[in-house]
Amino acid sequence: MEEARLRTDFWLMALIRQSMADGIPMTVVHKGDAVGGAVLIKLNQFEQGCTVFSQTRDGEGNRAWLRATGTDPIAEADADSFISRQRGYDSDLWVVEIEDRQGRLPFTEPIV
């Protein structure tokens, strides 16, 4: 069953609020379309590298996340380059950065 779709800005602000409550710093780097913009999350683990997660949907239409830059962390410059290219394709894209050495993620949706 497909979940009800919230506005991106509303859903993202709730996610950021939960993240901060959990002690996970999360910042909007670029605002996209408030109603239906997709979201990229850059997880910065500092010396361990970065992973970019792309918002997607599973086969049943439920929200999920994809490791857009692969399974292993990459250099921050490479992550930033990837994000820049994606923003070039999609001007409605939101970009959010999490800085957490432990690699904690605030979302509950599965990573596919």
N, C-alpha and C. Protein backbone atom coordinates (compact mmCIF):
# COMPACT_ATOMS: atom_id res chain seq x y z
N MET A 1 0.83 -1.18 0.00
CA MET A 1 0.00 0.00 0.00
C MET A 1 0.88 1.25 0.00
N GLU A 2 0.59 2.18 -0.86
CA GLU A 2 1.37 3.39 -0.97
C GLU A 2 1.04 4.34 0.18
N GLU A 3 2.09 4.90 0.79
CA GLU A 3 1.88 5.84 1.88
C GLU A 3 1.41 7.19 1.34
N ALA A 4 0.74 7.95 2.18
CA ALA A 4 0.35 9.30 1.79
C ALA A 4 1.61 10.13 1.61
N ARG A 5 1.63 10.96 0.60
CA ARG A 5 2.83 11.76 0.32
C ARG A 5 2.72 13.13 0.96
N LEU A 6 3.72 13.43 1.75
CA LEU A 6 3.82 14.73 2.39
C LEU A 6 4.61 15.67 1.50
N ARG A 7 4.41 16.95 1.68
CA ARG A 7 5.26 17.94 1.02
C ARG A 7 6.70 17.67 1.44
N THR A 8 7.62 17.84 0.53
CA THR A 8 9.03 17.58 0.83
C THR A 8 9.52 18.47 1.96
N ASP A 9 9.21 19.77 1.92
CA ASP A 9 9.71 20.67 2.95
C ASP A 9 9.19 20.29 4.33
N PHE A 10 7.94 19.91 4.43
CA PHE A 10 7.35 19.52 5.71
C PHE A 10 8.01 18.24 6.23
N TRP A 11 8.13 17.23 5.37
CA TRP A 11 8.73 15.96 5.77
C TRP A 11 10.18 16.15 6.17
N LEU A 12 10.91 16.96 5.40
CA LEU A 12 12.33 17.16 5.67
C LEU A 12 12.56 17.93 6.96
N MET A 13 11.75 18.92 7.22
CA MET A 13 11.91 19.68 8.47
C MET A 13 11.63 18.78 9.68
N ALA A 14 10.67 17.87 9.57
CA ALA A 14 10.42 16.92 10.66
C ALA A 14 11.61 15.99 10.85
N LEU A 15 12.21 15.55 9.73
CA LEU A 15 13.38 14.68 9.80
C LEU A 15 14.56 15.41 10.46
N ILE A 16 14.76 16.66 10.12
CA ILE A 16 15.85 17.45 10.71
C ILE A 16 15.60 17.64 12.20
N ARG A 17 14.39 17.93 12.56
CA ARG A 17 14.06 18.10 13.99
C ARG A 17 14.34 16.81 14.77
N GLN A 18 13.95 15.66 14.22
CA GLN A 18 14.21 14.38 14.88
C GLN A 18 15.71 14.11 14.95
N SER A 19 16.41 14.43 13.88
CA SER A 19 17.85 14.24 13.83
C SER A 19 18.54 15.04 14.93
N MET A 20 18.17 16.29 15.06
CA MET A 20 18.78 17.14 16.09
C MET A 20 18.45 16.62 17.49
N ALA A 21 17.23 16.14 17.69
CA ALA A 21 16.85 15.58 18.98
C ALA A 21 17.68 14.35 19.32
N ASP A 22 18.09 13.62 18.27
CA ASP A 22 18.92 12.42 18.46
C ASP A 22 20.41 12.75 18.53
N GLY A 23 20.75 14.04 18.44
CA GLY A 23 22.15 14.46 18.52
C GLY A 23 22.92 14.24 17.23
N ILE A 24 22.21 14.19 16.11
CA ILE A 24 22.85 14.00 14.80
C ILE A 24 22.73 15.32 14.04
N PRO A 25 23.84 16.06 13.87
CA PRO A 25 23.77 17.34 13.17
C PRO A 25 23.37 17.16 11.71
N MET A 26 22.36 17.91 11.29
CA MET A 26 21.83 17.80 9.93
C MET A 26 21.48 19.20 9.44
N THR A 27 21.97 19.56 8.25
CA THR A 27 21.79 20.90 7.72
C THR A 27 21.31 20.86 6.28
N VAL A 28 20.37 21.73 5.94
CA VAL A 28 19.95 21.88 4.54
C VAL A 28 21.02 22.70 3.84
N VAL A 29 21.63 22.12 2.81
CA VAL A 29 22.66 22.79 2.03
C VAL A 29 22.04 23.50 0.82
N HIS A 30 21.00 22.89 0.26
CA HIS A 30 20.31 23.48 -0.89
C HIS A 30 18.83 23.13 -0.80
N LYS A 31 17.98 24.17 -0.89
CA LYS A 31 16.53 23.95 -0.88
C LYS A 31 16.06 23.69 -2.30
N GLY A 32 15.23 22.67 -2.43
CA GLY A 32 14.64 22.34 -3.72
C GLY A 32 13.17 22.70 -3.73
N ASP A 33 12.41 22.02 -4.57
CA ASP A 33 10.98 22.27 -4.67
C ASP A 33 10.30 21.88 -3.37
N ALA A 34 9.53 22.81 -2.81
CA ALA A 34 8.91 22.59 -1.51
C ALA A 34 7.89 21.47 -1.51
N VAL A 35 7.22 21.27 -2.62
CA VAL A 35 6.14 20.29 -2.67
C VAL A 35 6.61 18.90 -3.06
N GLY A 36 7.40 18.80 -4.11
CA GLY A 36 7.73 17.47 -4.62
C GLY A 36 9.18 17.24 -4.95
N GLY A 37 10.09 18.06 -4.41
CA GLY A 37 11.51 17.87 -4.71
C GLY A 37 12.07 16.60 -4.10
N ALA A 38 12.94 15.94 -4.83
CA ALA A 38 13.65 14.77 -4.31
C ALA A 38 14.74 15.23 -3.34
N VAL A 39 15.28 14.30 -2.55
CA VAL A 39 16.26 14.63 -1.52
C VAL A 39 17.51 13.79 -1.69
N LEU A 40 18.67 14.45 -1.59
CA LEU A 40 19.96 13.78 -1.47
C LEU A 40 20.48 14.06 -0.07
N ILE A 41 21.01 13.04 0.58
CA ILE A 41 21.63 13.22 1.89
C ILE A 41 23.09 12.84 1.78
N LYS A 42 23.94 13.79 2.15
CA LYS A 42 25.39 13.55 2.19
C LYS A 42 25.75 13.24 3.64
N LEU A 43 26.18 12.01 3.87
CA LEU A 43 26.65 11.59 5.20
C LEU A 43 28.15 11.79 5.22
N ASN A 44 28.59 12.76 6.00
CA ASN A 44 30.02 13.08 6.10
C ASN A 44 30.57 12.47 7.39
N GLN A 45 31.43 11.46 7.23
CA GLN A 45 32.05 10.82 8.37
C GLN A 45 33.50 11.28 8.51
N PHE A 46 33.78 12.47 7.99
CA PHE A 46 35.07 13.13 8.08
C PHE A 46 36.18 12.26 7.51
N GLU A 47 37.15 11.85 8.30
CA GLU A 47 38.30 11.11 7.75
C GLU A 47 37.91 9.76 7.15
N GLN A 48 36.75 9.24 7.49
CA GLN A 48 36.29 7.97 6.92
C GLN A 48 35.69 8.15 5.53
N GLY A 49 35.34 9.38 5.17
CA GLY A 49 34.77 9.66 3.86
C GLY A 49 33.28 9.97 3.93
N CYS A 50 32.68 10.07 2.75
CA CYS A 50 31.27 10.46 2.63
C CYS A 50 30.49 9.43 1.83
N THR A 51 29.21 9.34 2.12
CA THR A 51 28.28 8.54 1.34
C THR A 51 27.09 9.43 1.00
N VAL A 52 26.64 9.37 -0.25
CA VAL A 52 25.46 10.14 -0.64
C VAL A 52 24.30 9.17 -0.80
N PHE A 53 23.20 9.49 -0.14
CA PHE A 53 21.98 8.69 -0.22
C PHE A 53 20.96 9.46 -1.05
N SER A 54 20.32 8.75 -1.95
CA SER A 54 19.30 9.33 -2.81
C SER A 54 17.94 8.80 -2.41
N GLN A 55 16.99 9.70 -2.27
CA GLN A 55 15.63 9.29 -1.94
C GLN A 55 15.03 8.56 -3.14
N THR A 56 14.40 7.45 -2.87
CA THR A 56 13.79 6.65 -3.93
C THR A 56 12.50 6.03 -3.39
N ARG A 57 11.88 5.21 -4.16
CA ARG A 57 10.69 4.46 -3.73
C ARG A 57 10.95 2.98 -4.00
N ASP A 58 10.43 2.12 -3.14
CA ASP A 58 10.57 0.68 -3.37
C ASP A 58 9.49 0.22 -4.35
N GLY A 59 9.43 -1.05 -4.62
CA GLY A 59 8.50 -1.60 -5.58
C GLY A 59 7.03 -1.38 -5.24
N GLU A 60 6.76 -1.11 -3.97
CA GLU A 60 5.38 -0.87 -3.53
C GLU A 60 5.07 0.62 -3.37
N GLY A 61 6.02 1.47 -3.75
CA GLY A 61 5.80 2.91 -3.67
C GLY A 61 6.15 3.55 -2.34
N ASN A 62 6.74 2.78 -1.42
CA ASN A 62 7.12 3.32 -0.12
C ASN A 62 8.49 3.99 -0.21
N ARG A 63 8.67 5.01 0.61
CA ARG A 63 9.94 5.74 0.63
C ARG A 63 11.08 4.81 1.05
N ALA A 64 12.22 4.94 0.37
CA ALA A 64 13.42 4.17 0.68
C ALA A 64 14.63 5.03 0.32
N TRP A 65 15.83 4.53 0.58
CA TRP A 65 17.07 5.25 0.28
C TRP A 65 18.00 4.35 -0.51
N LEU A 66 18.75 4.95 -1.39
CA LEU A 66 19.71 4.26 -2.24
C LEU A 66 21.09 4.84 -1.98
N ARG A 67 22.09 3.98 -1.80
CA ARG A 67 23.48 4.46 -1.66
C ARG A 67 23.94 4.90 -3.06
N ALA A 68 23.72 6.16 -3.36
CA ALA A 68 23.95 6.67 -4.71
C ALA A 68 25.41 6.67 -5.12
N THR A 69 26.32 6.72 -4.16
CA THR A 69 27.75 6.72 -4.48
C THR A 69 28.41 5.38 -4.21
N GLY A 70 27.62 4.34 -4.03
CA GLY A 70 28.17 3.00 -3.81
C GLY A 70 28.22 2.62 -2.34
N THR A 71 28.69 1.42 -2.09
CA THR A 71 28.67 0.88 -0.73
C THR A 71 29.79 1.43 0.15
N ASP A 72 30.92 1.83 -0.45
CA ASP A 72 32.05 2.33 0.33
C ASP A 72 32.06 3.85 0.33
N PRO A 73 32.45 4.46 1.46
CA PRO A 73 32.56 5.92 1.50
C PRO A 73 33.58 6.42 0.45
N ILE A 74 33.34 7.65 -0.01
CA ILE A 74 34.23 8.27 -1.00
C ILE A 74 34.75 9.59 -0.42
N ALA A 75 35.73 10.18 -1.07
CA ALA A 75 36.29 11.46 -0.64
C ALA A 75 35.20 12.53 -0.71
N GLU A 76 35.29 13.51 0.17
CA GLU A 76 34.27 14.56 0.21
C GLU A 76 34.20 15.32 -1.12
N ALA A 77 35.33 15.57 -1.74
CA ALA A 77 35.33 16.28 -3.03
C ALA A 77 34.56 15.48 -4.08
N ASP A 78 34.70 14.16 -4.05
CA ASP A 78 33.97 13.31 -5.00
C ASP A 78 32.47 13.34 -4.71
N ALA A 79 32.11 13.34 -3.43
CA ALA A 79 30.69 13.41 -3.05
C ALA A 79 30.11 14.75 -3.50
N ASP A 80 30.85 15.83 -3.29
CA ASP A 80 30.38 17.14 -3.70
C ASP A 80 30.23 17.24 -5.22
N SER A 81 31.14 16.62 -5.93
CA SER A 81 31.06 16.60 -7.40
C SER A 81 29.83 15.84 -7.86
N PHE A 82 29.56 14.70 -7.24
CA PHE A 82 28.37 13.90 -7.56
C PHE A 82 27.10 14.73 -7.33
N ILE A 83 27.04 15.40 -6.17
CA ILE A 83 25.87 16.22 -5.83
C ILE A 83 25.71 17.35 -6.83
N SER A 84 26.79 17.98 -7.21
CA SER A 84 26.74 19.06 -8.19
C SER A 84 26.18 18.59 -9.53
N ARG A 85 26.62 17.42 -9.97
CA ARG A 85 26.09 16.87 -11.23
C ARG A 85 24.59 16.58 -11.11
N GLN A 86 24.17 16.02 -9.99
CA GLN A 86 22.75 15.71 -9.80
C GLN A 86 21.91 16.99 -9.79
N ARG A 87 22.43 18.03 -9.15
CA ARG A 87 21.70 19.32 -9.13
C ARG A 87 21.61 19.90 -10.54
N GLY A 88 22.60 19.60 -11.39
CA GLY A 88 22.54 20.04 -12.77
C GLY A 88 21.42 19.37 -13.55
N TYR A 89 21.10 18.14 -13.18
CA TYR A 89 20.01 17.40 -13.83
C TYR A 89 18.64 17.76 -13.25
N ASP A 90 18.60 18.11 -11.96
CA ASP A 90 17.34 18.30 -11.27
C ASP A 90 17.41 19.56 -10.40
N SER A 91 16.88 20.65 -10.89
CA SER A 91 16.93 21.92 -10.15
C SER A 91 16.00 21.92 -8.94
N ASP A 92 15.10 20.96 -8.85
CA ASP A 92 14.17 20.86 -7.71
C ASP A 92 14.73 20.06 -6.54
N LEU A 93 15.96 19.60 -6.66
CA LEU A 93 16.59 18.70 -5.70
C LEU A 93 16.96 19.42 -4.39
N TRP A 94 16.64 18.76 -3.28
CA TRP A 94 17.09 19.20 -1.95
C TRP A 94 18.40 18.49 -1.65
N VAL A 95 19.33 19.18 -0.99
CA VAL A 95 20.58 18.58 -0.55
C VAL A 95 20.73 18.85 0.95
N VAL A 96 20.94 17.78 1.70
CA VAL A 96 21.07 17.85 3.15
C VAL A 96 22.37 17.17 3.55
N GLU A 97 23.08 17.76 4.51
CA GLU A 97 24.32 17.14 4.97
C GLU A 97 24.21 16.76 6.44
N ILE A 98 24.67 15.55 6.72
CA ILE A 98 24.79 15.04 8.08
C ILE A 98 26.28 14.91 8.36
N GLU A 99 26.73 15.46 9.48
CA GLU A 99 28.13 15.29 9.90
C GLU A 99 28.13 14.42 11.15
N ASP A 100 28.57 13.19 10.98
CA ASP A 100 28.56 12.25 12.10
C ASP A 100 29.63 11.19 11.89
N ARG A 101 30.66 11.22 12.70
CA ARG A 101 31.75 10.24 12.58
C ARG A 101 31.27 8.80 12.71
N GLN A 102 30.19 8.60 13.49
CA GLN A 102 29.66 7.25 13.71
C GLN A 102 28.82 6.76 12.54
N GLY A 103 28.46 7.65 11.63
CA GLY A 103 27.66 7.26 10.47
C GLY A 103 26.19 7.02 10.78
N ARG A 104 25.70 7.66 11.84
CA ARG A 104 24.29 7.48 12.20
C ARG A 104 23.40 8.21 11.19
N LEU A 105 22.28 7.60 10.89
CA LEU A 105 21.31 8.16 9.97
C LEU A 105 19.98 8.33 10.69
N PRO A 106 19.29 9.45 10.48
CA PRO A 106 18.06 9.70 11.22
C PRO A 106 16.81 9.09 10.61
N PHE A 107 16.91 8.53 9.42
CA PHE A 107 15.70 8.04 8.80
C PHE A 107 15.45 6.57 9.12
N THR A 108 14.17 6.19 9.08
CA THR A 108 13.78 4.83 9.41
C THR A 108 13.49 3.99 8.17
N GLU A 109 13.41 4.66 7.01
CA GLU A 109 13.13 3.93 5.77
C GLU A 109 14.31 3.03 5.42
N PRO A 110 14.07 1.93 4.74
CA PRO A 110 15.15 1.00 4.41
C PRO A 110 16.12 1.58 3.37
N ILE A 111 17.34 1.07 3.43
CA ILE A 111 18.35 1.39 2.41
C ILE A 111 18.34 0.22 1.44
N VAL A 112 18.07 0.51 0.17
CA VAL A 112 17.99 -0.55 -0.84
C VAL A 112 19.17 -0.51 -1.77
